[in-house]
């Protein structure tokens, strides 16, 4: 379930970036979201085994 939530978060971030800022930044935003998730939630988004 955590991978699904992360995929939606990255998708929403990419779409929002494309709509509001610049389409060329889409890859950088996806990378930044992944790095932020790893830094702030290294044990996973839900922190437990399913």
PDB file of N, CA and C in Angstrom:
ATOM      1  N   UNK A   1       0.801  -1.210   0.000  1.00  0.00           N
ATOM      2  CA  UNK A   1       0.000   0.000   0.000  1.00  0.00           C
ATOM      3  C   UNK A   1       0.844   1.275   0.000  1.00  0.00           C
ATOM      4  N   UNK A   2       2.014   1.236   0.619  1.00  0.00           N
ATOM      5  CA  UNK A   2       2.864   2.420   0.660  1.00  0.00           C
ATOM      6  C   UNK A   2       3.380   2.809  -0.713  1.00  0.00           C
ATOM      7  N   UNK A   3       3.695   1.813  -1.534  1.00  0.00           N
ATOM      8  CA  UNK A   3       4.166   2.102  -2.894  1.00  0.00           C
ATOM      9  C   UNK A   3       3.063   2.742  -3.725  1.00  0.00           C
ATOM     10  N   UNK A   4       1.842   2.312  -3.504  1.00  0.00           N
ATOM     11  CA  UNK A   4       0.709   2.893  -4.231  1.00  0.00           C
ATOM     12  C   UNK A   4       0.503   4.353  -3.831  1.00  0.00           C
ATOM     13  N   UNK A   5       0.580   4.632  -2.546  1.00  0.00           N
ATOM     14  CA  UNK A   5       0.428   6.013  -2.064  1.00  0.00           C
ATOM     15  C   UNK A   5       1.566   6.883  -2.587  1.00  0.00           C
ATOM     16  N   UNK A   6       2.783   6.350  -2.576  1.00  0.00           N
ATOM     17  CA  UNK A   6       3.922   7.111  -3.092  1.00  0.00           C
ATOM     18  C   UNK A   6       3.778   7.381  -4.588  1.00  0.00           C
ATOM     19  N   UNK A   7       3.278   6.407  -5.328  1.00  0.00           N
ATOM     20  CA  UNK A   7       3.073   6.602  -6.765  1.00  0.00           C
ATOM     21  C   UNK A   7       2.051   7.704  -7.029  1.00  0.00           C
ATOM     22  N   UNK A   8       0.979   7.714  -6.262  1.00  0.00           N
ATOM     23  CA  UNK A   8      -0.012   8.789  -6.407  1.00  0.00           C
ATOM     24  C   UNK A   8       0.588  10.146  -6.039  1.00  0.00           C
ATOM     25  N   UNK A   9       1.392  10.198  -4.975  1.00  0.00           N
ATOM     26  CA  UNK A   9       2.014  11.462  -4.568  1.00  0.00           C
ATOM     27  C   UNK A   9       2.943  11.987  -5.654  1.00  0.00           C
ATOM     28  N   UNK A  10       3.737  11.097  -6.240  1.00  0.00           N
ATOM     29  CA  UNK A  10       4.639  11.519  -7.311  1.00  0.00           C
ATOM     30  C   UNK A  10       3.844  11.963  -8.529  1.00  0.00           C
ATOM     31  N   UNK A  11       2.792  11.232  -8.860  1.00  0.00           N
ATOM     32  CA  UNK A  11       1.952  11.601 -10.001  1.00  0.00           C
ATOM     33  C   UNK A  11       1.293  12.955  -9.826  1.00  0.00           C
ATOM     34  N   UNK A  12       0.751  13.193  -8.642  1.00  0.00           N
ATOM     35  CA  UNK A  12       0.122  14.492  -8.378  1.00  0.00           C
ATOM     36  C   UNK A  12       1.153  15.620  -8.414  1.00  0.00           C
ATOM     37  N   UNK A  13       2.341  15.368  -7.865  1.00  0.00           N
ATOM     38  CA  UNK A  13       3.390  16.391  -7.879  1.00  0.00           C
ATOM     39  C   UNK A  13       3.832  16.699  -9.306  1.00  0.00           C
ATOM     40  N   UNK A  14       3.988  15.659 -10.126  1.00  0.00           N
ATOM     41  CA  UNK A  14       4.386  15.880 -11.521  1.00  0.00           C
ATOM     42  C   UNK A  14       3.311  16.646 -12.284  1.00  0.00           C
ATOM     43  N   UNK A  15       2.062  16.262 -12.098  1.00  0.00           N
ATOM     44  CA  UNK A  15       0.969  16.931 -12.802  1.00  0.00           C
ATOM     45  C   UNK A  15       0.841  18.380 -12.356  1.00  0.00           C
ATOM     46  N   UNK A  16       0.929  18.612 -11.064  1.00  0.00           N
ATOM     47  CA  UNK A  16       0.849  19.981 -10.554  1.00  0.00           C
ATOM     48  C   UNK A  16       1.983  20.845 -11.063  1.00  0.00           C
ATOM     49  N   UNK A  17       3.179  20.267 -11.124  1.00  0.00           N
ATOM     50  CA  UNK A  17       4.316  21.016 -11.648  1.00  0.00           C
ATOM     51  C   UNK A  17       4.106  21.365 -13.111  1.00  0.00           C
ATOM     52  N   UNK A  18       3.621  20.395 -13.879  1.00  0.00           N
ATOM     53  CA  UNK A  18       3.389  20.632 -15.304  1.00  0.00           C
ATOM     54  C   UNK A  18       2.339  21.714 -15.513  1.00  0.00           C
ATOM     55  N   UNK A  19       1.302  21.706 -14.698  1.00  0.00           N
ATOM     56  CA  UNK A  19       0.218  22.670 -14.868  1.00  0.00           C
ATOM     57  C   UNK A  19       0.592  24.064 -14.366  1.00  0.00           C
ATOM     58  N   UNK A  20       1.304  24.145 -13.233  1.00  0.00           N
ATOM     59  CA  UNK A  20       1.523  25.433 -12.588  1.00  0.00           C
ATOM     60  C   UNK A  20       2.872  26.077 -12.883  1.00  0.00           C
ATOM     61  N   UNK A  21       3.902  25.277 -13.042  1.00  0.00           N
ATOM     62  CA  UNK A  21       5.236  25.871 -13.149  1.00  0.00           C
ATOM     63  C   UNK A  21       5.798  25.677 -14.558  1.00  0.00           C
ATOM     64  N   UNK A  22       6.406  24.518 -14.812  1.00  0.00           N
ATOM     65  CA  UNK A  22       7.033  24.280 -16.105  1.00  0.00           C
ATOM     66  C   UNK A  22       7.170  22.778 -16.311  1.00  0.00           C
ATOM     67  N   UNK A  23       6.831  22.307 -17.473  1.00  0.00           N
ATOM     68  CA  UNK A  23       6.873  20.876 -17.766  1.00  0.00           C
ATOM     69  C   UNK A  23       8.293  20.324 -17.723  1.00  0.00           C
ATOM     70  N   UNK A  24       9.274  21.164 -17.957  1.00  0.00           N
ATOM     71  CA  UNK A  24      10.665  20.691 -17.940  1.00  0.00           C
ATOM     72  C   UNK A  24      11.131  20.310 -16.540  1.00  0.00           C
ATOM     73  N   UNK A  25      10.449  20.773 -15.509  1.00  0.00           N
ATOM     74  CA  UNK A  25      10.841  20.465 -14.129  1.00  0.00           C
ATOM     75  C   UNK A  25      10.194  19.192 -13.596  1.00  0.00           C
ATOM     76  N   UNK A  26       9.409  18.516 -14.418  1.00  0.00           N
ATOM     77  CA  UNK A  26       8.653  17.346 -13.970  1.00  0.00           C
ATOM     78  C   UNK A  26       9.557  16.263 -13.380  1.00  0.00           C
ATOM     79  N   UNK A  27      10.649  15.944 -14.050  1.00  0.00           N
ATOM     80  CA  UNK A  27      11.568  14.922 -13.555  1.00  0.00           C
ATOM     81  C   UNK A  27      12.238  15.325 -12.258  1.00  0.00           C
ATOM     82  N   UNK A  28      12.612  16.580 -12.150  1.00  0.00           N
ATOM     83  CA  UNK A  28      13.263  17.067 -10.930  1.00  0.00           C
ATOM     84  C   UNK A  28      12.313  17.009  -9.742  1.00  0.00           C
ATOM     85  N   UNK A  29      11.048  17.327  -9.977  1.00  0.00           N
ATOM     86  CA  UNK A  29      10.064  17.282  -8.893  1.00  0.00           C
ATOM     87  C   UNK A  29       9.842  15.843  -8.438  1.00  0.00           C
ATOM     88  N   UNK A  30       9.752  14.914  -9.376  1.00  0.00           N
ATOM     89  CA  UNK A  30       9.584  13.508  -9.010  1.00  0.00           C
ATOM     90  C   UNK A  30      10.769  13.032  -8.174  1.00  0.00           C
ATOM     91  N   UNK A  31      11.968  13.404  -8.576  1.00  0.00           N
ATOM     92  CA  UNK A  31      13.164  13.038  -7.829  1.00  0.00           C
ATOM     93  C   UNK A  31      13.150  13.662  -6.442  1.00  0.00           C
ATOM     94  N   UNK A  32      12.745  14.923  -6.333  1.00  0.00           N
ATOM     95  CA  UNK A  32      12.692  15.609  -5.039  1.00  0.00           C
ATOM     96  C   UNK A  32      11.673  14.964  -4.107  1.00  0.00           C
ATOM     97  N   UNK A  33      10.536  14.544  -4.645  1.00  0.00           N
ATOM     98  CA  UNK A  33       9.520  13.872  -3.820  1.00  0.00           C
ATOM     99  C   UNK A  33      10.071  12.551  -3.291  1.00  0.00           C
ATOM    100  N   UNK A  34      10.747  11.784  -4.144  1.00  0.00           N
ATOM    101  CA  UNK A  34      11.317  10.507  -3.691  1.00  0.00           C
ATOM    102  C   UNK A  34      12.377  10.720  -2.618  1.00  0.00           C
ATOM    103  N   UNK A  35      13.235  11.705  -2.803  1.00  0.00           N
ATOM    104  CA  UNK A  35      14.269  11.996  -1.804  1.00  0.00           C
ATOM    105  C   UNK A  35      13.632  12.440  -0.488  1.00  0.00           C
ATOM    106  N   UNK A  36      12.605  13.282  -0.559  1.00  0.00           N
ATOM    107  CA  UNK A  36      11.931  13.743   0.660  1.00  0.00           C
ATOM    108  C   UNK A  36      11.297  12.576   1.409  1.00  0.00           C
ATOM    109  N   UNK A  37      10.692  11.650   0.690  1.00  0.00           N
ATOM    110  CA  UNK A  37      10.086  10.487   1.348  1.00  0.00           C
ATOM    111  C   UNK A  37      11.159   9.643   2.018  1.00  0.00           C
ATOM    112  N   UNK A  38      12.290   9.450   1.347  1.00  0.00           N
ATOM    113  CA  UNK A  38      13.371   8.650   1.932  1.00  0.00           C
ATOM    114  C   UNK A  38      13.958   9.342   3.162  1.00  0.00           C
ATOM    115  N   UNK A  39      14.093  10.659   3.120  1.00  0.00           N
ATOM    116  CA  UNK A  39      14.683  11.394   4.245  1.00  0.00           C
ATOM    117  C   UNK A  39      13.740  11.417   5.445  1.00  0.00           C
ATOM    118  N   UNK A  40      12.461  11.718   5.210  1.00  0.00           N
ATOM    119  CA  UNK A  40      11.535  11.899   6.320  1.00  0.00           C
ATOM    120  C   UNK A  40      10.852  10.616   6.779  1.00  0.00           C
ATOM    121  N   UNK A  41      10.752   9.611   5.915  1.00  0.00           N
ATOM    122  CA  UNK A  41      10.109   8.348   6.279  1.00  0.00           C
ATOM    123  C   UNK A  41      10.960   7.168   5.817  1.00  0.00           C
ATOM    124  N   UNK A  42      12.179   6.986   6.368  1.00  0.00           N
ATOM    125  CA  UNK A  42      13.049   5.904   5.886  1.00  0.00           C
ATOM    126  C   UNK A  42      12.495   4.509   6.176  1.00  0.00           C
ATOM    127  N   UNK A  43      11.606   4.387   7.135  1.00  0.00           N
ATOM    128  CA  UNK A  43      11.023   3.084   7.450  1.00  0.00           C
ATOM    129  C   UNK A  43       9.827   2.764   6.562  1.00  0.00           C
ATOM    130  N   UNK A  44       9.463   3.666   5.690  1.00  0.00           N
ATOM    131  CA  UNK A  44       8.322   3.461   4.795  1.00  0.00           C
ATOM    132  C   UNK A  44       7.208   4.433   5.140  1.00  0.00           C
ATOM    133  N   UNK A  45       6.259   4.556   4.248  1.00  0.00           N
ATOM    134  CA  UNK A  45       5.177   5.514   4.483  1.00  0.00           C
ATOM    135  C   UNK A  45       4.290   5.106   5.644  1.00  0.00           C
ATOM    136  N   UNK A  46       4.070   3.809   5.808  1.00  0.00           N
ATOM    137  CA  UNK A  46       3.196   3.360   6.890  1.00  0.00           C
ATOM    138  C   UNK A  46       3.977   2.783   8.067  1.00  0.00           C
ATOM    139  N   UNK A  47       5.238   2.429   7.866  1.00  0.00           N
ATOM    140  CA  UNK A  47       6.096   1.997   8.953  1.00  0.00           C
ATOM    141  C   UNK A  47       5.778   0.651   9.566  1.00  0.00           C
ATOM    142  N   UNK A  48       5.038  -0.165   8.865  1.00  0.00           N
ATOM    143  CA  UNK A  48       4.737  -1.512   9.373  1.00  0.00           C
ATOM    144  C   UNK A  48       4.636  -2.458   8.194  1.00  0.00           C
ATOM    145  N   UNK A  49       4.786  -3.737   8.505  1.00  0.00           N
ATOM    146  CA  UNK A  49       4.687  -4.747   7.457  1.00  0.00           C
ATOM    147  C   UNK A  49       3.238  -5.132   7.248  1.00  0.00           C
ATOM    148  N   UNK A  50       2.894  -5.338   6.009  1.00  0.00           N
ATOM    149  CA  UNK A  50       1.504  -5.663   5.679  1.00  0.00           C
ATOM    150  C   UNK A  50       1.355  -7.148   5.518  1.00  0.00           C
TER     151      UNK A  50
END
